[in-house]
Amino acid sequence: MGSFMTQPLEPVKVPAPPEAAASASPAPLGTPGAPTSPGQPPLLNTCWSCRVLSGSGLIGAGGYVYWVARKPMKLGYPPSPGTIMQMVIGISIACWGIVILSDPKGKAFRVG
């Protein structure tokens, strides 16, 4: 309706890098299932501040979901299956945050 977002965009041509243009045959593929590069551990397992931030955020989000589901019950309304499911999901999110914070298998520390 006359806005900028409704107008089609002009195509932009990007030149190909010279290495990709010079290669006429594709590189041979390795065996399926064999890794092509050494695997690196996920950043969440090695970064303590990332684990604290994400774990506490998940605990807070789970507590909020549980609290919102619990509020009508405190006013005297009977719980419906949807309310109970919302409470279960809230508890599950909070437990996920606890697992991230506690690191039960010790994957955050390098052994050897």
PDB file of N, CA and C in Angstrom:
ATOM      1  N   MET A   1       0.814  -1.168   0.000  1.00  0.00           N
ATOM      2  CA  MET A   1       0.000   0.000   0.000  1.00  0.00           C
ATOM      3  C   MET A   1       0.865   1.241   0.000  1.00  0.00           C
ATOM      4  N   GLY A   2       1.816   1.244  -0.834  1.00  0.00           N
ATOM      5  CA  GLY A   2       2.644   2.424  -0.987  1.00  0.00           C
ATOM      6  C   GLY A   2       3.844   2.468  -0.071  1.00  0.00           C
ATOM      7  N   SER A   3       4.021   1.484   0.779  1.00  0.00           N
ATOM      8  CA  SER A   3       5.166   1.522   1.659  1.00  0.00           C
ATOM      9  C   SER A   3       6.396   0.963   0.961  1.00  0.00           C
ATOM     10  N   PHE A   4       7.530   1.181   1.550  1.00  0.00           N
ATOM     11  CA  PHE A   4       8.784   0.721   0.968  1.00  0.00           C
ATOM     12  C   PHE A   4       8.872  -0.797   0.955  1.00  0.00           C
ATOM     13  N   MET A   5       8.278  -1.443   1.938  1.00  0.00           N
ATOM     14  CA  MET A   5       8.401  -2.895   2.058  1.00  0.00           C
ATOM     15  C   MET A   5       7.604  -3.646   0.996  1.00  0.00           C
ATOM     16  N   THR A   6       6.598  -3.005   0.392  1.00  0.00           N
ATOM     17  CA  THR A   6       5.804  -3.706  -0.604  1.00  0.00           C
ATOM     18  C   THR A   6       6.422  -3.627  -1.989  1.00  0.00           C
ATOM     19  N   GLN A   7       7.393  -2.770  -2.196  1.00  0.00           N
ATOM     20  CA  GLN A   7       8.034  -2.623  -3.492  1.00  0.00           C
ATOM     21  C   GLN A   7       9.062  -3.729  -3.678  1.00  0.00           C
ATOM     22  N   PRO A   8       9.178  -4.299  -4.886  1.00  0.00           N
ATOM     23  CA  PRO A   8      10.184  -5.344  -5.092  1.00  0.00           C
ATOM     24  C   PRO A   8      11.589  -4.749  -5.029  1.00  0.00           C
ATOM     25  N   LEU A   9      12.499  -5.527  -4.492  1.00  0.00           N
ATOM     26  CA  LEU A   9      13.881  -5.083  -4.369  1.00  0.00           C
ATOM     27  C   LEU A   9      14.623  -5.320  -5.677  1.00  0.00           C
ATOM     28  N   GLU A  10      15.602  -4.469  -5.932  1.00  0.00           N
ATOM     29  CA  GLU A  10      16.414  -4.635  -7.129  1.00  0.00           C
ATOM     30  C   GLU A  10      17.419  -5.755  -6.889  1.00  0.00           C
ATOM     31  N   PRO A  11      17.629  -6.626  -7.867  1.00  0.00           N
ATOM     32  CA  PRO A  11      18.596  -7.711  -7.665  1.00  0.00           C
ATOM     33  C   PRO A  11      20.013  -7.145  -7.602  1.00  0.00           C
ATOM     34  N   VAL A  12      20.799  -7.691  -6.700  1.00  0.00           N
ATOM     35  CA  VAL A  12      22.185  -7.280  -6.525  1.00  0.00           C
ATOM     36  C   VAL A  12      23.061  -8.435  -6.973  1.00  0.00           C
ATOM     37  N   LYS A  13      23.976  -8.157  -7.903  1.00  0.00           N
ATOM     38  CA  LYS A  13      24.885  -9.196  -8.376  1.00  0.00           C
ATOM     39  C   LYS A  13      26.165  -9.137  -7.569  1.00  0.00           C
ATOM     40  N   VAL A  14      26.537 -10.290  -6.996  1.00  0.00           N
ATOM     41  CA  VAL A  14      27.748 -10.400  -6.197  1.00  0.00           C
ATOM     42  C   VAL A  14      28.756 -11.206  -7.005  1.00  0.00           C
ATOM     43  N   PRO A  15      29.960 -10.654  -7.235  1.00  0.00           N
ATOM     44  CA  PRO A  15      30.951 -11.432  -7.995  1.00  0.00           C
ATOM     45  C   PRO A  15      31.441 -12.625  -7.183  1.00  0.00           C
ATOM     46  N   ALA A  16      31.688 -13.731  -7.884  1.00  0.00           N
ATOM     47  CA  ALA A  16      32.180 -14.943  -7.231  1.00  0.00           C
ATOM     48  C   ALA A  16      33.652 -14.774  -6.883  1.00  0.00           C
ATOM     49  N   PRO A  17      34.106 -15.371  -5.780  1.00  0.00           N
ATOM     50  CA  PRO A  17      35.524 -15.296  -5.443  1.00  0.00           C
ATOM     51  C   PRO A  17      36.347 -16.022  -6.504  1.00  0.00           C
ATOM     52  N   PRO A  18      37.585 -15.589  -6.745  1.00  0.00           N
ATOM     53  CA  PRO A  18      38.395 -16.204  -7.799  1.00  0.00           C
ATOM     54  C   PRO A  18      38.700 -17.677  -7.540  1.00  0.00           C
ATOM     55  N   GLU A  19      38.796 -18.118  -6.266  1.00  0.00           N
ATOM     56  CA  GLU A  19      39.107 -19.525  -5.998  1.00  0.00           C
ATOM     57  C   GLU A  19      37.951 -20.418  -6.451  1.00  0.00           C
ATOM     58  N   ALA A  20      36.729 -19.985  -6.213  1.00  0.00           N
ATOM     59  CA  ALA A  20      35.576 -20.797  -6.562  1.00  0.00           C
ATOM     60  C   ALA A  20      35.372 -20.823  -8.077  1.00  0.00           C
ATOM     61  N   ALA A  21      35.702 -19.740  -8.760  1.00  0.00           N
ATOM     62  CA  ALA A  21      35.509 -19.670 -10.199  1.00  0.00           C
ATOM     63  C   ALA A  21      36.567 -20.493 -10.926  1.00  0.00           C
ATOM     64  N   ALA A  22      37.772 -20.612 -10.369  1.00  0.00           N
ATOM     65  CA  ALA A  22      38.853 -21.328 -11.037  1.00  0.00           C
ATOM     66  C   ALA A  22      38.681 -22.845 -10.928  1.00  0.00           C
ATOM     67  N   SER A  23      37.984 -23.326  -9.943  1.00  0.00           N
ATOM     68  CA  SER A  23      37.820 -24.756  -9.749  1.00  0.00           C
ATOM     69  C   SER A  23      36.766 -25.301 -10.713  1.00  0.00           C
ATOM     70  N   ALA A  24      37.181 -26.173 -11.629  1.00  0.00           N
ATOM     71  CA  ALA A  24      36.250 -26.728 -12.605  1.00  0.00           C
ATOM     72  C   ALA A  24      35.601 -28.008 -12.093  1.00  0.00           C
ATOM     73  N   SER A  25      36.312 -28.794 -11.288  1.00  0.00           N
ATOM     74  CA  SER A  25      35.745 -30.035 -10.768  1.00  0.00           C
ATOM     75  C   SER A  25      35.560 -29.901  -9.260  1.00  0.00           C
ATOM     76  N   PRO A  26      34.458 -30.434  -8.731  1.00  0.00           N
ATOM     77  CA  PRO A  26      34.242 -30.336  -7.290  1.00  0.00           C
ATOM     78  C   PRO A  26      35.214 -31.228  -6.532  1.00  0.00           C
ATOM     79  N   ALA A  27      35.452 -30.859  -5.299  1.00  0.00           N
ATOM     80  CA  ALA A  27      36.343 -31.644  -4.449  1.00  0.00           C
ATOM     81  C   ALA A  27      35.700 -32.988  -4.154  1.00  0.00           C
ATOM     82  N   PRO A  28      36.480 -34.071  -4.079  1.00  0.00           N
ATOM     83  CA  PRO A  28      35.883 -35.384  -3.784  1.00  0.00           C
ATOM     84  C   PRO A  28      35.343 -35.408  -2.361  1.00  0.00           C
ATOM     85  N   LEU A  29      34.231 -36.084  -2.208  1.00  0.00           N
ATOM     86  CA  LEU A  29      33.621 -36.208  -0.893  1.00  0.00           C
ATOM     87  C   LEU A  29      34.269 -37.341  -0.128  1.00  0.00           C
ATOM     88  N   GLY A  30      34.371 -37.169   1.181  1.00  0.00           N
ATOM     89  CA  GLY A  30      34.918 -38.225   2.028  1.00  0.00           C
ATOM     90  C   GLY A  30      33.872 -39.301   2.232  1.00  0.00           C
ATOM     91  N   THR A  31      34.215 -40.260   3.031  1.00  0.00           N
ATOM     92  CA  THR A  31      33.259 -41.318   3.314  1.00  0.00           C
ATOM     93  C   THR A  31      32.089 -40.737   4.099  1.00  0.00           C
ATOM     94  N   PRO A  32      30.880 -41.188   3.839  1.00  0.00           N
ATOM     95  CA  PRO A  32      29.754 -40.636   4.590  1.00  0.00           C
ATOM     96  C   PRO A  32      29.854 -41.018   6.063  1.00  0.00           C
ATOM     97  N   GLY A  33      29.683 -40.041   6.895  1.00  0.00           N
ATOM     98  CA  GLY A  33      29.748 -40.287   8.328  1.00  0.00           C
ATOM     99  C   GLY A  33      31.106 -39.948   8.923  1.00  0.00           C
ATOM    100  N   ALA A  34      32.140 -39.778   8.094  1.00  0.00           N
ATOM    101  CA  ALA A  34      33.448 -39.415   8.614  1.00  0.00           C
ATOM    102  C   ALA A  34      33.503 -37.903   8.774  1.00  0.00           C
ATOM    103  N   PRO A  35      33.955 -37.396   9.915  1.00  0.00           N
ATOM    104  CA  PRO A  35      34.008 -35.947  10.097  1.00  0.00           C
ATOM    105  C   PRO A  35      35.076 -35.328   9.195  1.00  0.00           C
ATOM    106  N   THR A  36      34.771 -34.163   8.661  1.00  0.00           N
ATOM    107  CA  THR A  36      35.724 -33.491   7.782  1.00  0.00           C
ATOM    108  C   THR A  36      36.645 -32.574   8.560  1.00  0.00           C
ATOM    109  N   SER A  37      36.227 -32.115   9.733  1.00  0.00           N
ATOM    110  CA  SER A  37      37.077 -31.262  10.549  1.00  0.00           C
ATOM    111  C   SER A  37      36.998 -31.749  11.991  1.00  0.00           C
ATOM    112  N   PRO A  38      38.006 -31.445  12.790  1.00  0.00           N
ATOM    113  CA  PRO A  38      37.961 -31.893  14.183  1.00  0.00           C
ATOM    114  C   PRO A  38      36.805 -31.218  14.916  1.00  0.00           C
ATOM    115  N   GLY A  39      36.105 -32.001  15.702  1.00  0.00           N
ATOM    116  CA  GLY A  39      34.953 -31.479  16.438  1.00  0.00           C
ATOM    117  C   GLY A  39      35.392 -30.612  17.600  1.00  0.00           C
ATOM    118  N   GLN A  40      34.701 -29.517  17.784  1.00  0.00           N
ATOM    119  CA  GLN A  40      34.980 -28.633  18.904  1.00  0.00           C
ATOM    120  C   GLN A  40      33.806 -28.720  19.873  1.00  0.00           C
ATOM    121  N   PRO A  41      34.076 -28.669  21.167  1.00  0.00           N
ATOM    122  CA  PRO A  41      32.973 -28.747  22.121  1.00  0.00           C
ATOM    123  C   PRO A  41      32.100 -27.508  22.006  1.00  0.00           C
ATOM    124  N   PRO A  42      30.809 -27.638  22.301  1.00  0.00           N
ATOM    125  CA  PRO A  42      29.941 -26.467  22.265  1.00  0.00           C
ATOM    126  C   PRO A  42      30.405 -25.421  23.263  1.00  0.00           C
ATOM    127  N   LEU A  43      30.144 -24.167  22.946  1.00  0.00           N
ATOM    128  CA  LEU A  43      30.590 -23.064  23.787  1.00  0.00           C
ATOM    129  C   LEU A  43      29.922 -23.100  25.152  1.00  0.00           C
ATOM    130  N   LEU A  44      28.701 -23.603  25.234  1.00  0.00           N
ATOM    131  CA  LEU A  44      27.977 -23.621  26.497  1.00  0.00           C
ATOM    132  C   LEU A  44      28.681 -24.498  27.536  1.00  0.00           C
ATOM    133  N   ASN A  45      29.374 -25.521  27.106  1.00  0.00           N
ATOM    134  CA  ASN A  45      30.037 -26.415  28.054  1.00  0.00           C
ATOM    135  C   ASN A  45      31.333 -25.838  28.596  1.00  0.00           C
ATOM    136  N   THR A  46      31.926 -24.884  27.930  1.00  0.00           N
ATOM    137  CA  THR A  46      33.207 -24.360  28.376  1.00  0.00           C
ATOM    138  C   THR A  46      33.109 -22.958  28.951  1.00  0.00           C
ATOM    139  N   CYS A  47      32.005 -22.296  28.813  1.00  0.00           N
ATOM    140  CA  CYS A  47      31.856 -20.905  29.241  1.00  0.00           C
ATOM    141  C   CYS A  47      30.968 -20.853  30.485  1.00  0.00           C
ATOM    142  N   TRP A  48      31.592 -20.594  31.651  1.00  0.00           N
ATOM    143  CA  TRP A  48      30.854 -20.593  32.898  1.00  0.00           C
ATOM    144  C   TRP A  48      29.812 -19.481  32.926  1.00  0.00           C
ATOM    145  N   SER A  49      30.166 -18.287  32.459  1.00  0.00           N
ATOM    146  CA  SER A  49      29.207 -17.180  32.493  1.00  0.00           C
ATOM    147  C   SER A  49      28.025 -17.445  31.563  1.00  0.00           C
ATOM    148  N   CYS A  50      28.267 -18.150  30.449  1.00  0.00           N
ATOM    149  CA  CYS A  50      27.164 -18.503  29.538  1.00  0.00           C
ATOM    150  C   CYS A  50      26.209 -19.472  30.221  1.00  0.00           C
ATOM    151  N   ARG A  51      26.764 -20.418  30.957  1.00  0.00           N
ATOM    152  CA  ARG A  51      25.922 -21.391  31.652  1.00  0.00           C
ATOM    153  C   ARG A  51      25.130 -20.729  32.773  1.00  0.00           C
ATOM    154  N   VAL A  52      25.744 -19.795  33.506  1.00  0.00           N
ATOM    155  CA  VAL A  52      25.034 -19.110  34.590  1.00  0.00           C
ATOM    156  C   VAL A  52      23.907 -18.259  34.021  1.00  0.00           C
ATOM    157  N   LEU A  53      24.198 -17.529  32.959  1.00  0.00           N
ATOM    158  CA  LEU A  53      23.187 -16.657  32.369  1.00  0.00           C
ATOM    159  C   LEU A  53      22.024 -17.457  31.787  1.00  0.00           C
ATOM    160  N   SER A  54      22.333 -18.489  31.013  1.00  0.00           N
ATOM    161  CA  SER A  54      21.253 -19.255  30.396  1.00  0.00           C
ATOM    162  C   SER A  54      20.504 -20.096  31.427  1.00  0.00           C
ATOM    163  N   GLY A  55      21.210 -20.670  32.379  1.00  0.00           N
ATOM    164  CA  GLY A  55      20.552 -21.475  33.404  1.00  0.00           C
ATOM    165  C   GLY A  55      19.634 -20.653  34.285  1.00  0.00           C
ATOM    166  N   SER A  56      20.114 -19.500  34.730  1.00  0.00           N
ATOM    167  CA  SER A  56      19.261 -18.661  35.573  1.00  0.00           C
ATOM    168  C   SER A  56      18.111 -18.063  34.766  1.00  0.00           C
ATOM    169  N   GLY A  57      18.330 -17.782  33.499  1.00  0.00           N
ATOM    170  CA  GLY A  57      17.244 -17.299  32.653  1.00  0.00           C
ATOM    171  C   GLY A  57      16.158 -18.344  32.471  1.00  0.00           C
ATOM    172  N   LEU A  58      16.561 -19.600  32.291  1.00  0.00           N
ATOM    173  CA  LEU A  58      15.577 -20.679  32.153  1.00  0.00           C
ATOM    174  C   LEU A  58      14.828 -20.923  33.465  1.00  0.00           C
ATOM    175  N   ILE A  59      15.520 -20.816  34.583  1.00  0.00           N
ATOM    176  CA  ILE A  59      14.842 -20.980  35.876  1.00  0.00           C
ATOM    177  C   ILE A  59      13.820 -19.863  36.060  1.00  0.00           C
ATOM    178  N   GLY A  60      14.204 -18.638  35.710  1.00  0.00           N
ATOM    179  CA  GLY A  60      13.268 -17.523  35.816  1.00  0.00           C
ATOM    180  C   GLY A  60      12.075 -17.665  34.882  1.00  0.00           C
ATOM    181  N   ALA A  61      12.334 -18.098  33.649  1.00  0.00           N
ATOM    182  CA  ALA A  61      11.237 -18.286  32.695  1.00  0.00           C
ATOM    183  C   ALA A  61      10.301 -19.396  33.148  1.00  0.00           C
ATOM    184  N   GLY A  62      10.855 -20.485  33.651  1.00  0.00           N
ATOM    185  CA  GLY A  62      10.021 -21.573  34.149  1.00  0.00           C
ATOM    186  C   GLY A  62       9.209 -21.154  35.355  1.00  0.00           C
ATOM    187  N   GLY A  63       9.824 -20.377  36.249  1.00  0.00           N
ATOM    188  CA  GLY A  63       9.080 -19.877  37.399  1.00  0.00           C
ATOM    189  C   GLY A  63       7.947 -18.959  36.990  1.00  0.00           C
ATOM    190  N   TYR A  64       8.175 -18.135  35.981  1.00  0.00           N
ATOM    191  CA  TYR A  64       7.135 -17.232  35.503  1.00  0.00           C
ATOM    192  C   TYR A  64       5.975 -18.014  34.880  1.00  0.00           C
ATOM    193  N   VAL A  65       6.289 -19.013  34.054  1.00  0.00           N
ATOM    194  CA  VAL A  65       5.238 -19.818  33.424  1.00  0.00           C
ATOM    195  C   VAL A  65       4.420 -20.533  34.497  1.00  0.00           C
ATOM    196  N   TYR A  66       5.088 -21.071  35.500  1.00  0.00           N
ATOM    197  CA  TYR A  66       4.393 -21.749  36.594  1.00  0.00           C
ATOM    198  C   TYR A  66       3.527 -20.771  37.379  1.00  0.00           C
ATOM    199  N   TRP A  67       4.068 -19.571  37.659  1.00  0.00           N
ATOM    200  CA  TRP A  67       3.359 -18.564  38.443  1.00  0.00           C
ATOM    201  C   TRP A  67       2.098 -18.088  37.723  1.00  0.00           C
ATOM    202  N   VAL A  68       2.191 -17.885  36.398  1.00  0.00           N
ATOM    203  CA  VAL A  68       1.031 -17.442  35.627  1.00  0.00           C
ATOM    204  C   VAL A  68      -0.055 -18.522  35.621  1.00  0.00           C
ATOM    205  N   ALA A  69       0.354 -19.779  35.569  1.00  0.00           N
ATOM    206  CA  ALA A  69      -0.634 -20.856  35.599  1.00  0.00           C
ATOM    207  C   ALA A  69      -1.244 -21.011  36.985  1.00  0.00           C
ATOM    208  N   ARG A  70      -0.511 -20.700  38.005  1.00  0.00           N
ATOM    209  CA  ARG A  70      -0.974 -20.892  39.381  1.00  0.00           C
ATOM    210  C   ARG A  70      -1.876 -19.753  39.857  1.00  0.00           C
ATOM    211  N   LYS A  71      -1.751 -18.583  39.241  1.00  0.00           N
ATOM    212  CA  LYS A  71      -2.491 -17.407  39.703  1.00  0.00           C
ATOM    213  C   LYS A  71      -4.016 -17.610  39.722  1.00  0.00           C
ATOM    214  N   PRO A  72      -4.661 -18.156  38.674  1.00  0.00           N
ATOM    215  CA  PRO A  72      -6.118 -18.358  38.758  1.00  0.00           C
ATOM    216  C   PRO A  72      -6.526 -19.376  39.825  1.00  0.00           C
ATOM    217  N   MET A  73      -5.657 -20.338  40.101  1.00  0.00           N
ATOM    218  CA  MET A  73      -5.987 -21.324  41.135  1.00  0.00           C
ATOM    219  C   MET A  73      -6.034 -20.662  42.510  1.00  0.00           C
ATOM    220  N   LYS A  74      -5.191 -19.647  42.737  1.00  0.00           N
ATOM    221  CA  LYS A  74      -5.211 -18.946  44.019  1.00  0.00           C
ATOM    222  C   LYS A  74      -6.480 -18.113  44.182  1.00  0.00           C
ATOM    223  N   LEU A  75      -7.104 -17.750  43.056  1.00  0.00           N
ATOM    224  CA  LEU A  75      -8.351 -16.991  43.116  1.00  0.00           C
ATOM    225  C   LEU A  75      -9.568 -17.891  43.299  1.00  0.00           C
ATOM    226  N   GLY A  76      -9.373 -19.204  43.312  1.00  0.00           N
ATOM    227  CA  GLY A  76     -10.448 -20.133  43.587  1.00  0.00           C
ATOM    228  C   GLY A  76     -10.989 -20.855  42.372  1.00  0.00           C
ATOM    229  N   TYR A  77     -10.421 -20.620  41.193  1.00  0.00           N
ATOM    230  CA  TYR A  77     -10.889 -21.330  40.002  1.00  0.00           C
ATOM    231  C   TYR A  77     -10.341 -22.759  39.993  1.00  0.00           C
ATOM    232  N   PRO A  78     -11.142 -23.721  39.568  1.00  0.00           N
ATOM    233  CA  PRO A  78     -10.629 -25.100  39.514  1.00  0.00           C
ATOM    234  C   PRO A  78      -9.626 -25.247  38.370  1.00  0.00           C
ATOM    235  N   PRO A  79      -8.601 -26.048  38.558  1.00  0.00           N
ATOM    236  CA  PRO A  79      -7.598 -26.199  37.487  1.00  0.00           C
ATOM    237  C   PRO A  79      -8.156 -27.012  36.323  1.00  0.00           C
ATOM    238  N   SER A  80      -7.848 -26.542  35.124  1.00  0.00           N
ATOM    239  CA  SER A  80      -8.232 -27.275  33.914  1.00  0.00           C
ATOM    240  C   SER A  80      -7.025 -28.072  33.430  1.00  0.00           C
ATOM    241  N   PRO A  81      -7.208 -28.984  32.493  1.00  0.00           N
ATOM    242  CA  PRO A  81      -6.046 -29.715  31.967  1.00  0.00           C
ATOM    243  C   PRO A  81      -5.004 -28.793  31.329  1.00  0.00           C
ATOM    244  N   GLY A  82      -5.463 -27.703  30.725  1.00  0.00           N
ATOM    245  CA  GLY A  82      -4.520 -26.749  30.138  1.00  0.00           C
ATOM    246  C   GLY A  82      -3.667 -26.062  31.189  1.00  0.00           C
ATOM    247  N   THR A  83      -4.288 -25.722  32.317  1.00  0.00           N
ATOM    248  CA  THR A  83      -3.558 -25.089  33.415  1.00  0.00           C
ATOM    249  C   THR A  83      -2.527 -26.049  34.001  1.00  0.00           C
ATOM    250  N   ILE A  84      -2.924 -27.293  34.157  1.00  0.00           N
ATOM    251  CA  ILE A  84      -1.988 -28.289  34.699  1.00  0.00           C
ATOM    252  C   ILE A  84      -0.834 -28.504  33.721  1.00  0.00           C
ATOM    253  N   MET A  85      -1.139 -28.537  32.426  1.00  0.00           N
ATOM    254  CA  MET A  85      -0.079 -28.700  31.429  1.00  0.00           C
ATOM    255  C   MET A  85       0.866 -27.502  31.452  1.00  0.00           C
ATOM    256  N   GLN A  86       0.334 -26.305  31.632  1.00  0.00           N
ATOM    257  CA  GLN A  86       1.178 -25.120  31.709  1.00  0.00           C
ATOM    258  C   GLN A  86       2.087 -25.184  32.933  1.00  0.00           C
ATOM    259  N   MET A  87       1.576 -25.678  34.033  1.00  0.00           N
ATOM    260  CA  MET A  87       2.404 -25.818  35.226  1.00  0.00           C
ATOM    261  C   MET A  87       3.515 -26.843  35.009  1.00  0.00           C
ATOM    262  N   VAL A  88       3.186 -27.950  34.354  1.00  0.00           N
ATOM    263  CA  VAL A  88       4.196 -28.976  34.072  1.00  0.00           C
ATOM    264  C   VAL A  88       5.278 -28.419  33.152  1.00  0.00           C
ATOM    265  N   ILE A  89       4.883 -27.647  32.147  1.00  0.00           N
ATOM    266  CA  ILE A  89       5.867 -27.055  31.229  1.00  0.00           C
ATOM    267  C   ILE A  89       6.750 -26.056  31.976  1.00  0.00           C
ATOM    268  N   GLY A  90       6.154 -25.273  32.870  1.00  0.00           N
ATOM    269  CA  GLY A  90       6.946 -24.329  33.660  1.00  0.00           C
ATOM    270  C   GLY A  90       7.972 -25.029  34.543  1.00  0.00           C
ATOM    271  N   ILE A  91       7.559 -26.110  35.185  1.00  0.00           N
ATOM    272  CA  ILE A  91       8.486 -26.873  36.014  1.00  0.00           C
ATOM    273  C   ILE A  91       9.583 -27.500  35.151  1.00  0.00           C
ATOM    274  N   SER A  92       9.222 -27.967  33.969  1.00  0.00           N
ATOM    275  CA  SER A  92      10.211 -28.578  33.070  1.00  0.00           C
ATOM    276  C   SER A  92      11.250 -27.567  32.611  1.00  0.00           C
ATOM    277  N   ILE A  93      10.820 -26.353  32.295  1.00  0.00           N
ATOM    278  CA  ILE A  93      11.765 -25.311  31.872  1.00  0.00           C
ATOM    279  C   ILE A  93      12.707 -24.974  33.016  1.00  0.00           C
ATOM    280  N   ALA A  94      12.172 -24.859  34.233  1.00  0.00           N
ATOM    281  CA  ALA A  94      13.015 -24.559  35.389  1.00  0.00           C
ATOM    282  C   ALA A  94      14.011 -25.690  35.654  1.00  0.00           C
ATOM    283  N   CYS A  95      13.575 -26.936  35.503  1.00  0.00           N
ATOM    284  CA  CYS A  95      14.486 -28.077  35.701  1.00  0.00           C
ATOM    285  C   CYS A  95      15.578 -28.088  34.647  1.00  0.00           C
ATOM    286  N   TRP A  96      15.257 -27.701  33.431  1.00  0.00           N
ATOM    287  CA  TRP A  96      16.266 -27.599  32.372  1.00  0.00           C
ATOM    288  C   TRP A  96      17.334 -26.576  32.768  1.00  0.00           C
ATOM    289  N   GLY A  97      16.920 -25.467  33.352  1.00  0.00           N
ATOM    290  CA  GLY A  97      17.877 -24.470  33.824  1.00  0.00           C
ATOM    291  C   GLY A  97      18.750 -25.002  34.942  1.00  0.00           C
ATOM    292  N   ILE A  98      18.175 -25.793  35.841  1.00  0.00           N
ATOM    293  CA  ILE A  98      18.961 -26.385  36.930  1.00  0.00           C
ATOM    294  C   ILE A  98      19.991 -27.353  36.376  1.00  0.00           C
ATOM    295  N   VAL A  99      19.614 -28.127  35.360  1.00  0.00           N
ATOM    296  CA  VAL A  99      20.561 -29.070  34.755  1.00  0.00           C
ATOM    297  C   VAL A  99      21.708 -28.315  34.099  1.00  0.00           C
ATOM    298  N   ILE A 100      21.425 -27.214  33.435  1.00  0.00           N
ATOM    299  CA  ILE A 100      22.498 -26.434  32.803  1.00  0.00           C
ATOM    300  C   ILE A 100      23.426 -25.862  33.870  1.00  0.00           C
ATOM    301  N   LEU A 101      22.871 -25.391  34.970  1.00  0.00           N
ATOM    302  CA  LEU A 101      23.710 -24.832  36.032  1.00  0.00           C
ATOM    303  C   LEU A 101      24.525 -25.894  36.761  1.00  0.00           C
ATOM    304  N   SER A 102      23.931 -27.039  37.022  1.00  0.00           N
ATOM    305  CA  SER A 102      24.622 -28.032  37.850  1.00  0.00           C
ATOM    306  C   SER A 102      25.647 -28.847  37.079  1.00  0.00           C
ATOM    307  N   ASP A 103      25.476 -29.020  35.774  1.00  0.00           N
ATOM    308  CA  ASP A 103      26.402 -29.795  34.935  1.00  0.00           C
ATOM    309  C   ASP A 103      26.673 -31.163  35.568  1.00  0.00           C
ATOM    310  N   PRO A 104      25.676 -32.061  35.583  1.00  0.00           N
ATOM    311  CA  PRO A 104      25.789 -33.309  36.349  1.00  0.00           C
ATOM    312  C   PRO A 104      26.882 -34.264  35.907  1.00  0.00           C
ATOM    313  N   LYS A 105      27.269 -34.263  34.645  1.00  0.00           N
ATOM    314  CA  LYS A 105      28.294 -35.206  34.195  1.00  0.00           C
ATOM    315  C   LYS A 105      29.677 -34.601  34.168  1.00  0.00           C
ATOM    316  N   GLY A 106      29.818 -33.336  34.495  1.00  0.00           N
ATOM    317  CA  GLY A 106      31.129 -32.718  34.522  1.00  0.00           C
ATOM    318  C   GLY A 106      31.713 -32.460  33.152  1.00  0.00           C
ATOM    319  N   LYS A 107      30.886 -32.212  32.182  1.00  0.00           N
ATOM    320  CA  LYS A 107      31.380 -31.987  30.828  1.00  0.00           C
ATOM    321  C   LYS A 107      32.056 -30.623  30.687  1.00  0.00           C
ATOM    322  N   ALA A 108      31.830 -29.727  31.631  1.00  0.00           N
ATOM    323  CA  ALA A 108      32.404 -28.397  31.520  1.00  0.00           C
ATOM    324  C   ALA A 108      33.889 -28.388  31.833  1.00  0.00           C
ATOM    325  N   PHE A 109      34.408 -29.430  32.434  1.00  0.00           N
ATOM    326  CA  PHE A 109      35.818 -29.451  32.812  1.00  0.00           C
ATOM    327  C   PHE A 109      36.560 -30.460  31.935  1.00  0.00           C
ATOM    328  N   ARG A 110      37.673 -30.051  31.458  1.00  0.00           N
ATOM    329  CA  ARG A 110      38.470 -30.913  30.584  1.00  0.00           C
ATOM    330  C   ARG A 110      39.225 -31.942  31.420  1.00  0.00           C
ATOM    331  N   VAL A 111      39.133 -33.198  31.023  1.00  0.00           N
ATOM    332  CA  VAL A 111      39.820 -34.269  31.734  1.00  0.00           C
ATOM    333  C   VAL A 111      40.947 -34.771  30.864  1.00  0.00           C
ATOM    334  N   GLY A 112      42.167 -34.742  31.373  1.00  0.00           N
ATOM    335  CA  GLY A 112      43.303 -35.307  30.640  1.00  0.00           C
ATOM    336  C   GLY A 112      44.027 -34.369  29.856  1.00  0.00           C
TER     337      GLY A 112
END
